Amino acid sequence: MRFRPRRLHTTADISRGGKEPILGRIKGIVSAVVLLGALYLGLGICADLAVNLVPPRTEAQWFAWAEDMVEPTLPVPDDLQLVFNKLILDSQLDDFPYHLVYLPSEDINAFALPGGMIAVTQGLYENVRTAEGRALVLGHEIGHVQHRHGLQRIGRSILLAGALSLCGVDTATVLKRSQFLADLQFSRSQESESDDFGLRLVHRTFGTTLGSLEFFENLESLQVDSNDTLQGQLGTFLRTHPRTSDRLEDLRALAEELDGA
């Protein structure tokens, strides 16, 4: 018997130039985003838990190098130093080697670095006249250190860089010291947490919150256009902090609670 192969009338053509269907691409992108988001959240939780195990003095040693990047500095005004000294005597503070530096900048700003260094600009000092107003600004920055906000953000960067490097991603820039400092822009929840801490610290130190909201009340009352010099001086502060009206509303409610207790 002679073999006669059957003719195939139709074929299953799965070769379309090697292009992946658009739906498949979208699914891949969504999956990658979800995976990276879960990874970031998981690493964030681990970092937040880990930083609480680091002794305050050890944290200060780790980030002693950061102070070399904050220069030049001026002698701290006596009245500002006096307010700072009163605040750091509070018995509820952790054992950080707190110290204050004064920056010759017209920008109206203040910030804290991991380990206990608090920096205040000349612009902020000259625009906040009362001891209580300056105390709240300083107390807010002390709150960032107490809650380890800076170390948490840096810890997340380190863990994320490690995870990405295992995937073959070049993460050298993530680990640069300058990048660490640039990343110290805190979330709204962290800013609110430090506002709460700072006002409570002022109340414990002075026995009242009267006059402590001066800085935020001045910010709220400002009606300046984008070309105004003062607006330019406030640029850094306004870019890195939540809306002033929201913060002031919460602070006024807390002040009423503390002073009425």
Protein backbone atom coordinates (compact mmCIF):
# COMPACT_ATOMS: atom_id res chain seq x y z
CA MET A 1 0.00 0.00 0.00
CA ARG A 2 1.31 3.41 -0.95
CA PHE A 3 1.45 6.06 1.79
CA ARG A 4 -0.25 9.36 0.94
CA PRO A 5 0.06 12.15 3.55
CA ARG A 6 -3.08 14.15 4.23
CA ARG A 7 -3.08 17.80 3.23
CA LEU A 8 -3.47 20.27 6.06
CA HIS A 9 -6.10 22.81 5.15
CA THR A 10 -5.39 25.20 8.07
CA THR A 11 -2.41 25.84 10.31
CA ALA A 12 -2.00 27.39 13.70
CA ASP A 13 0.31 30.33 12.97
CA ILE A 14 1.72 31.58 16.24
CA SER A 15 4.62 33.50 14.74
CA ARG A 16 3.79 37.18 14.30
CA GLY A 17 7.18 38.70 13.98
CA GLY A 18 8.09 37.88 17.58
CA LYS A 19 5.95 40.73 18.94
CA GLU A 20 4.21 40.24 22.25
CA PRO A 21 0.50 41.16 22.30
CA ILE A 22 -0.16 44.57 23.86
CA LEU A 23 -2.33 43.02 26.58
CA GLY A 24 0.56 40.79 27.61
CA ARG A 25 2.86 43.79 27.85
CA ILE A 26 0.41 45.68 30.05
CA LYS A 27 0.03 42.69 32.35
CA GLY A 28 3.81 42.40 32.61
CA ILE A 29 4.22 46.07 33.48
CA VAL A 30 1.42 45.96 36.07
CA SER A 31 2.92 42.84 37.64
CA ALA A 32 6.35 44.47 37.85
CA VAL A 33 4.90 47.62 39.45
CA VAL A 34 2.94 45.58 41.99
CA LEU A 35 6.00 43.47 42.79
CA LEU A 36 8.24 46.53 43.26
CA GLY A 37 5.57 48.21 45.39
CA ALA A 38 5.25 45.18 47.62
CA LEU A 39 9.03 44.93 47.83
CA TYR A 40 9.35 48.59 48.84
CA LEU A 41 6.64 48.30 51.49
CA GLY A 42 8.14 45.12 52.88
CA LEU A 43 11.61 46.59 53.01
CA GLY A 44 10.19 49.74 54.60
CA ILE A 45 8.60 47.74 57.41
CA CYS A 46 11.85 45.88 58.00
CA ALA A 47 13.83 49.13 58.02
CA ASP A 48 11.45 50.82 60.44
CA LEU A 49 11.73 47.88 62.83
CA ALA A 50 15.49 47.64 62.51
CA VAL A 51 16.28 51.29 63.22
CA ASN A 52 14.70 51.07 66.65
CA LEU A 53 17.40 48.56 67.60
CA VAL A 54 20.19 51.06 66.86
CA PRO A 55 21.39 52.89 70.02
CA PRO A 56 21.23 56.70 69.69
CA ARG A 57 24.97 57.13 70.23
CA THR A 58 25.72 54.54 67.57
CA GLU A 59 23.50 56.39 65.12
CA ALA A 60 25.40 59.59 65.90
CA GLN A 61 28.72 57.86 65.16
CA TRP A 62 27.44 56.48 61.88
CA PHE A 63 26.44 59.89 60.59
CA ALA A 64 29.21 62.06 62.01
CA TRP A 65 30.40 62.54 58.41
CA ALA A 66 27.18 64.36 57.51
CA GLU A 67 28.13 67.37 59.60
CA ASP A 68 31.09 68.03 57.31
CA MET A 69 28.61 68.66 54.50
CA VAL A 70 26.75 71.32 56.51
CA GLU A 71 29.04 74.31 56.23
CA PRO A 72 29.96 77.06 56.59
CA THR A 73 28.46 77.78 60.00
CA LEU A 74 28.29 80.81 62.28
CA PRO A 75 28.35 81.05 66.09
CA VAL A 76 24.88 80.25 67.42
CA PRO A 77 23.11 83.35 68.85
CA ASP A 78 22.97 83.20 72.65
CA ASP A 79 19.18 83.46 72.90
CA LEU A 80 18.68 80.68 70.36
CA GLN A 81 21.20 78.44 72.13
CA LEU A 82 19.47 79.10 75.45
CA VAL A 83 16.12 77.92 74.12
CA PHE A 84 17.74 74.82 72.61
CA ASN A 85 19.53 73.98 75.87
CA LYS A 86 16.24 74.11 77.77
CA LEU A 87 14.53 71.77 75.33
CA ILE A 88 17.22 69.07 75.33
CA LEU A 89 17.12 68.86 79.14
CA ASP A 90 13.73 67.16 78.84
CA SER A 91 13.86 63.82 80.67
CA GLN A 92 11.76 62.06 78.02
CA LEU A 93 14.34 62.51 75.25
CA ASP A 94 16.48 59.61 74.14
CA ASP A 95 20.23 59.79 74.67
CA PHE A 96 21.23 61.57 71.48
CA PRO A 97 24.21 63.96 71.55
CA TYR A 98 22.03 66.89 70.50
CA HIS A 99 23.79 70.00 69.25
CA LEU A 100 22.80 73.08 67.30
CA VAL A 101 24.42 74.70 64.27
CA TYR A 102 23.64 78.08 62.72
CA LEU A 103 23.80 78.57 58.96
CA PRO A 104 24.49 81.89 57.20
CA SER A 105 21.61 81.54 54.76
CA GLU A 106 18.70 83.86 53.97
CA ASP A 107 16.48 80.82 53.39
CA ILE A 108 13.87 80.45 56.11
CA ASN A 109 14.43 76.86 57.11
CA ALA A 110 15.56 74.36 59.73
CA PHE A 111 16.40 70.68 59.49
CA ALA A 112 17.67 67.71 61.47
CA LEU A 113 20.20 65.04 60.56
CA PRO A 114 20.31 61.49 61.96
CA GLY A 115 22.30 61.40 65.17
CA GLY A 116 21.13 64.65 66.76
CA MET A 117 22.40 67.63 64.78
CA ILE A 118 19.82 70.41 64.42
CA ALA A 119 20.45 73.22 61.94
CA VAL A 120 18.73 76.62 61.84
CA THR A 121 19.26 79.24 59.15
CA GLN A 122 19.86 82.90 59.81
CA GLY A 123 16.74 83.67 57.78
CA LEU A 124 14.51 81.64 60.09
CA TYR A 125 16.10 83.08 63.25
CA GLU A 126 15.50 86.62 62.08
CA ASN A 127 11.88 85.94 61.09
CA VAL A 128 10.85 84.18 64.31
CA ARG A 129 11.28 86.64 67.17
CA THR A 130 9.93 84.90 70.27
CA ALA A 131 11.61 82.21 72.35
CA GLU A 132 8.44 80.09 72.24
CA GLY A 133 8.16 80.35 68.45
CA ARG A 134 11.76 79.28 68.02
CA ALA A 135 11.22 76.52 70.57
CA LEU A 136 8.48 74.92 68.47
CA VAL A 137 10.67 74.94 65.36
CA LEU A 138 13.53 73.36 67.31
CA GLY A 139 11.18 70.92 69.03
CA HIS A 140 9.81 69.84 65.67
CA GLU A 141 13.31 69.03 64.41
CA ILE A 142 14.15 67.20 67.64
CA GLY A 143 11.00 65.16 66.99
CA HIS A 144 12.40 63.97 63.67
CA VAL A 145 15.50 62.69 65.46
CA GLN A 146 13.54 61.09 68.31
CA HIS A 147 11.28 59.20 65.91
CA ARG A 148 14.29 58.17 63.77
CA HIS A 149 12.66 59.57 60.64
CA GLY A 150 15.96 60.27 58.91
CA LEU A 151 17.39 56.84 59.70
CA GLN A 152 14.18 55.19 58.52
CA ARG A 153 14.33 56.86 55.11
CA ILE A 154 18.02 56.08 54.71
CA GLY A 155 17.46 52.51 55.87
CA ARG A 156 14.81 52.02 53.22
CA SER A 157 17.20 53.32 50.56
CA ILE A 158 19.92 50.91 51.67
CA LEU A 159 17.63 47.87 51.74
CA LEU A 160 16.05 48.77 48.40
CA ALA A 161 19.48 49.25 46.84
CA GLY A 162 20.55 45.84 48.14
CA ALA A 163 17.47 44.15 46.75
CA LEU A 164 17.85 45.83 43.35
CA SER A 165 21.53 44.94 43.17
CA LEU A 166 20.62 41.28 43.55
CA CYS A 167 18.52 41.75 40.41
CA GLY A 168 21.52 43.13 38.54
CA VAL A 169 20.58 46.81 38.82
CA ASP A 170 23.41 49.33 39.29
CA THR A 171 22.60 51.08 42.58
CA ALA A 172 25.83 52.99 43.17
CA THR A 173 24.11 56.37 43.05
CA VAL A 174 21.55 55.28 45.64
CA LEU A 175 24.31 54.75 48.16
CA LYS A 176 26.07 58.08 47.72
CA ARG A 177 26.19 60.17 50.88
CA SER A 178 24.89 63.24 49.09
CA GLN A 179 21.88 61.24 47.97
CA PHE A 180 21.18 60.28 51.58
CA LEU A 181 20.93 63.93 52.58
CA ALA A 182 18.84 64.82 49.56
CA ASP A 183 16.36 62.09 50.47
CA LEU A 184 15.67 63.53 53.91
CA GLN A 185 12.35 65.03 52.89
CA PHE A 186 9.85 63.57 55.27
CA SER A 187 6.33 62.36 54.57
CA ARG A 188 3.24 64.26 55.68
CA SER A 189 2.65 61.76 58.47
CA GLN A 190 6.22 62.18 59.72
CA GLU A 191 5.91 65.98 59.65
CA SER A 192 2.64 65.78 61.59
CA GLU A 193 4.22 63.41 64.09
CA SER A 194 7.09 65.86 64.65
CA ASP A 195 4.68 68.81 64.97
CA ASP A 196 2.85 66.95 67.71
CA PHE A 197 6.09 65.99 69.45
CA GLY A 198 7.50 69.51 69.23
CA LEU A 199 4.46 71.21 70.72
CA ARG A 200 4.28 68.72 73.58
CA LEU A 201 7.99 69.29 74.23
CA VAL A 202 7.44 73.07 74.32
CA HIS A 203 4.58 72.63 76.78
CA ARG A 204 6.65 70.43 79.07
CA THR A 205 9.56 72.88 78.93
CA PHE A 206 7.71 76.20 79.29
CA GLY A 207 4.49 75.08 80.97
CA THR A 208 2.44 76.66 78.17
CA THR A 209 2.15 76.74 74.39
CA LEU A 210 1.37 80.47 74.32
CA GLY A 211 3.33 82.18 71.54
CA SER A 212 4.73 78.95 70.14
CA LEU A 213 2.71 79.06 66.92
CA GLU A 214 4.29 82.34 65.80
CA PHE A 215 6.23 80.86 62.89
CA PHE A 216 3.26 79.01 61.41
CA GLU A 217 0.91 81.94 61.94
CA ASN A 218 3.37 84.19 60.10
CA LEU A 219 3.50 81.73 57.23
CA GLU A 220 -0.28 81.54 57.01
CA SER A 221 -0.67 85.32 56.92
CA LEU A 222 1.86 85.84 54.13
CA GLN A 223 0.29 87.14 50.93
CA VAL A 224 3.19 87.43 48.52
CA ASP A 225 3.64 86.70 44.83
CA SER A 226 6.21 84.36 43.37
CA ASN A 227 8.64 87.20 42.63
CA ASP A 228 8.77 88.40 46.21
CA THR A 229 12.10 88.00 47.99
CA LEU A 230 10.50 86.44 51.05
CA GLN A 231 8.72 83.89 48.90
CA GLY A 232 12.09 82.88 47.49
CA GLN A 233 13.54 82.56 50.97
CA LEU A 234 10.67 80.28 51.94
CA GLY A 235 11.05 78.15 48.84
CA THR A 236 12.95 75.28 50.44
CA PHE A 237 10.68 75.13 53.46
CA LEU A 238 7.47 75.19 51.44
CA ARG A 239 8.69 72.46 49.07
CA THR A 240 9.53 70.04 51.86
CA HIS A 241 6.66 70.56 54.31
CA PRO A 242 2.88 69.99 54.24
CA ARG A 243 0.40 72.82 53.73
CA THR A 244 0.72 75.37 56.53
CA SER A 245 -3.03 75.83 57.09
CA ASP A 246 -3.51 72.11 57.77
CA ARG A 247 -0.59 71.97 60.19
CA LEU A 248 -1.73 75.10 62.01
CA GLU A 249 -5.24 73.74 62.46
CA ASP A 250 -3.89 70.58 64.09
CA LEU A 251 -1.42 72.52 66.25
CA ARG A 252 -4.11 74.90 67.52
CA ALA A 253 -6.31 71.99 68.52
CA LEU A 254 -3.43 70.32 70.36
CA ALA A 255 -2.41 73.60 72.05
CA GLU A 256 -5.95 74.05 73.35
CA GLU A 257 -5.89 70.48 74.68
CA LEU A 258 -2.50 70.89 76.41
CA ASP A 259 -3.17 74.31 77.93
CA GLY A 260 -6.61 73.27 79.09
CA ALA A 261 -5.38 70.12 80.82
